[in-house]
């Protein structure tokens, strides 16, 4: 995460302009991460709705092995 390191360096620096820009970039990066994770969860929820229960829930419950 080179971007995060650069942002944190700018925030901790002495220059007020760099600090302001670093804080704004950090805020945007945080918003982008939240948006991405929200999209990921929504897509997962949609895919889980398509999963149906097995018509034969007992299938595979027992194994008959003959030697």
N, C-alpha and C. Protein backbone atom coordinates (compact mmCIF):
# COMPACT_ATOMS: atom_id res chain seq x y z
N UNK A 1 0.83 -1.18 0.00
CA UNK A 1 0.00 0.00 0.00
C UNK A 1 0.88 1.25 0.00
N UNK A 2 1.49 1.53 -1.12
CA UNK A 2 2.34 2.70 -1.23
C UNK A 2 1.54 3.98 -1.10
N UNK A 3 0.32 3.99 -1.57
CA UNK A 3 -0.51 5.19 -1.49
C UNK A 3 -0.78 5.53 -0.04
N UNK A 4 -1.15 4.54 0.76
CA UNK A 4 -1.42 4.80 2.18
C UNK A 4 -0.19 5.32 2.89
N UNK A 5 0.97 4.74 2.59
CA UNK A 5 2.21 5.21 3.22
C UNK A 5 2.49 6.65 2.84
N UNK A 6 2.30 7.00 1.58
CA UNK A 6 2.53 8.37 1.13
C UNK A 6 1.56 9.33 1.79
N UNK A 7 0.33 8.91 1.91
CA UNK A 7 -0.69 9.75 2.55
C UNK A 7 -0.34 9.97 4.01
N UNK A 8 0.02 8.90 4.71
CA UNK A 8 0.35 9.04 6.13
C UNK A 8 1.60 9.90 6.33
N UNK A 9 2.58 9.81 5.42
CA UNK A 9 3.76 10.65 5.50
C UNK A 9 3.40 12.11 5.32
N UNK A 10 2.50 12.37 4.36
CA UNK A 10 2.07 13.75 4.12
C UNK A 10 1.31 14.31 5.32
N UNK A 11 0.49 13.49 5.94
CA UNK A 11 -0.29 13.96 7.10
C UNK A 11 0.63 14.29 8.27
N UNK A 12 1.64 13.47 8.47
CA UNK A 12 2.51 13.68 9.63
C UNK A 12 3.58 14.73 9.37
N UNK A 13 3.69 15.21 8.13
CA UNK A 13 4.69 16.22 7.80
C UNK A 13 4.34 17.57 8.40
N UNK A 14 5.28 18.52 8.30
CA UNK A 14 5.08 19.83 8.89
C UNK A 14 4.33 20.80 8.00
N UNK A 15 4.24 20.52 6.71
CA UNK A 15 3.61 21.45 5.77
C UNK A 15 2.08 21.33 5.85
N UNK A 16 1.41 22.44 6.11
CA UNK A 16 -0.05 22.42 6.28
C UNK A 16 -0.76 22.01 5.00
N UNK A 17 -0.27 22.45 3.84
CA UNK A 17 -0.90 22.08 2.57
C UNK A 17 -0.78 20.58 2.33
N UNK A 18 0.40 20.02 2.59
CA UNK A 18 0.57 18.57 2.44
C UNK A 18 -0.33 17.81 3.40
N UNK A 19 -0.47 18.33 4.61
CA UNK A 19 -1.35 17.67 5.59
C UNK A 19 -2.80 17.69 5.10
N UNK A 20 -3.25 18.83 4.59
CA UNK A 20 -4.63 18.94 4.12
C UNK A 20 -4.88 18.01 2.94
N UNK A 21 -3.93 17.99 2.01
CA UNK A 21 -4.07 17.10 0.84
C UNK A 21 -4.03 15.65 1.29
N UNK A 22 -3.13 15.33 2.21
CA UNK A 22 -3.03 13.95 2.71
C UNK A 22 -4.30 13.50 3.40
N UNK A 23 -4.89 14.37 4.19
CA UNK A 23 -6.13 14.03 4.88
C UNK A 23 -7.26 13.83 3.88
N UNK A 24 -7.32 14.69 2.86
CA UNK A 24 -8.36 14.55 1.83
C UNK A 24 -8.19 13.25 1.05
N UNK A 25 -6.95 12.92 0.71
CA UNK A 25 -6.70 11.66 -0.01
C UNK A 25 -7.03 10.46 0.86
N UNK A 26 -6.72 10.54 2.13
CA UNK A 26 -7.05 9.45 3.05
C UNK A 26 -8.55 9.27 3.15
N UNK A 27 -9.28 10.37 3.19
CA UNK A 27 -10.74 10.32 3.23
C UNK A 27 -11.30 9.68 1.97
N UNK A 28 -10.75 10.07 0.82
CA UNK A 28 -11.22 9.50 -0.44
C UNK A 28 -10.89 8.01 -0.54
N UNK A 29 -9.71 7.63 -0.08
CA UNK A 29 -9.32 6.22 -0.09
C UNK A 29 -10.24 5.41 0.82
N UNK A 30 -10.59 5.97 1.96
CA UNK A 30 -11.50 5.30 2.88
C UNK A 30 -12.89 5.14 2.26
N UNK A 31 -13.36 6.20 1.60
CA UNK A 31 -14.67 6.13 0.93
C UNK A 31 -14.67 5.09 -0.18
N UNK A 32 -13.57 5.04 -0.93
CA UNK A 32 -13.48 4.07 -2.03
C UNK A 32 -13.48 2.64 -1.48
N UNK A 33 -12.77 2.42 -0.38
CA UNK A 33 -12.73 1.09 0.23
C UNK A 33 -14.11 0.69 0.75
N UNK A 34 -14.81 1.62 1.36
CA UNK A 34 -16.15 1.33 1.87
C UNK A 34 -17.10 1.01 0.73
N UNK A 35 -16.98 1.74 -0.36
CA UNK A 35 -17.83 1.50 -1.52
C UNK A 35 -17.55 0.12 -2.13
N UNK A 36 -16.28 -0.21 -2.24
CA UNK A 36 -15.90 -1.51 -2.80
C UNK A 36 -16.40 -2.66 -1.94
N UNK A 37 -16.25 -2.53 -0.63
CA UNK A 37 -16.71 -3.61 0.25
C UNK A 37 -18.23 -3.72 0.24
N UNK A 38 -18.91 -2.60 0.11
CA UNK A 38 -20.37 -2.62 0.03
C UNK A 38 -20.82 -3.35 -1.24
N UNK A 39 -20.16 -3.06 -2.35
CA UNK A 39 -20.48 -3.73 -3.61
C UNK A 39 -20.21 -5.23 -3.50
N UNK A 40 -19.10 -5.58 -2.86
CA UNK A 40 -18.76 -7.00 -2.68
C UNK A 40 -19.83 -7.73 -1.89
N UNK A 41 -20.29 -7.12 -0.80
CA UNK A 41 -21.32 -7.75 0.04
C UNK A 41 -22.64 -7.86 -0.72
N UNK A 42 -23.00 -6.84 -1.49
CA UNK A 42 -24.24 -6.89 -2.27
C UNK A 42 -24.19 -7.99 -3.31
N UNK A 43 -23.05 -8.11 -4.01
CA UNK A 43 -22.91 -9.17 -5.00
C UNK A 43 -22.97 -10.54 -4.36
N UNK A 44 -22.36 -10.70 -3.19
CA UNK A 44 -22.41 -11.97 -2.48
C UNK A 44 -23.84 -12.31 -2.09
N UNK A 45 -24.58 -11.31 -1.61
CA UNK A 45 -25.97 -11.52 -1.21
C UNK A 45 -26.81 -11.95 -2.40
N UNK A 46 -26.61 -11.32 -3.55
CA UNK A 46 -27.36 -11.68 -4.75
C UNK A 46 -27.05 -13.12 -5.17
N UNK A 47 -25.78 -13.50 -5.11
CA UNK A 47 -25.43 -14.86 -5.53
C UNK A 47 -25.97 -15.90 -4.56
N UNK A 48 -26.04 -15.58 -3.27
CA UNK A 48 -26.57 -16.52 -2.29
C UNK A 48 -28.07 -16.74 -2.45
N UNK A 49 -28.77 -15.76 -2.98
CA UNK A 49 -30.21 -15.90 -3.20
C UNK A 49 -30.49 -16.91 -4.30
N UNK A 50 -29.52 -17.13 -5.18
CA UNK A 50 -29.69 -18.08 -6.28
C UNK A 50 -29.43 -19.52 -5.86
N UNK A 51 -28.83 -19.71 -4.70
CA UNK A 51 -28.52 -21.05 -4.20
C UNK A 51 -29.81 -21.67 -3.66
N UNK A 52 -30.10 -22.87 -4.14
CA UNK A 52 -31.32 -23.56 -3.69
C UNK A 52 -30.95 -24.80 -2.87
N UNK A 53 -31.86 -25.23 -2.07
CA UNK A 53 -31.65 -26.43 -1.25
C UNK A 53 -31.68 -27.67 -2.14
N UNK A 54 -30.95 -28.65 -1.77
CA UNK A 54 -30.89 -29.90 -2.52
C UNK A 54 -32.24 -30.61 -2.48
N UNK A 55 -32.62 -31.23 -3.60
CA UNK A 55 -33.87 -31.98 -3.67
C UNK A 55 -33.76 -33.29 -2.87
N UNK A 56 -32.56 -33.77 -2.68
CA UNK A 56 -32.34 -35.00 -1.92
C UNK A 56 -31.34 -34.71 -0.80
N UNK A 57 -31.83 -34.16 0.32
CA UNK A 57 -30.91 -33.76 1.39
C UNK A 57 -30.20 -34.94 2.06
N UNK A 58 -30.75 -36.16 1.91
CA UNK A 58 -30.14 -37.33 2.55
C UNK A 58 -29.02 -37.92 1.69
N UNK A 59 -28.92 -37.52 0.42
CA UNK A 59 -27.93 -38.08 -0.48
C UNK A 59 -26.52 -37.75 0.02
N UNK A 60 -25.71 -38.76 0.14
CA UNK A 60 -24.34 -38.56 0.62
C UNK A 60 -24.21 -38.64 2.12
N UNK A 61 -25.33 -38.86 2.82
CA UNK A 61 -25.27 -38.94 4.27
C UNK A 61 -24.68 -40.25 4.75
N UNK A 62 -24.83 -41.32 3.97
CA UNK A 62 -24.29 -42.64 4.34
C UNK A 62 -23.44 -43.17 3.19
N UNK A 63 -22.42 -43.88 3.54
CA UNK A 63 -21.57 -44.51 2.54
C UNK A 63 -21.58 -46.01 2.75
N UNK A 64 -21.83 -46.76 1.69
CA UNK A 64 -21.77 -48.22 1.73
C UNK A 64 -20.50 -48.63 1.00
N UNK A 65 -19.58 -49.23 1.74
CA UNK A 65 -18.30 -49.64 1.14
C UNK A 65 -18.18 -51.14 1.26
N UNK A 66 -17.89 -51.76 0.13
CA UNK A 66 -17.68 -53.22 0.11
C UNK A 66 -16.27 -53.49 -0.35
N UNK A 67 -15.61 -54.42 0.35
CA UNK A 67 -14.25 -54.77 -0.02
C UNK A 67 -14.21 -56.21 -0.44
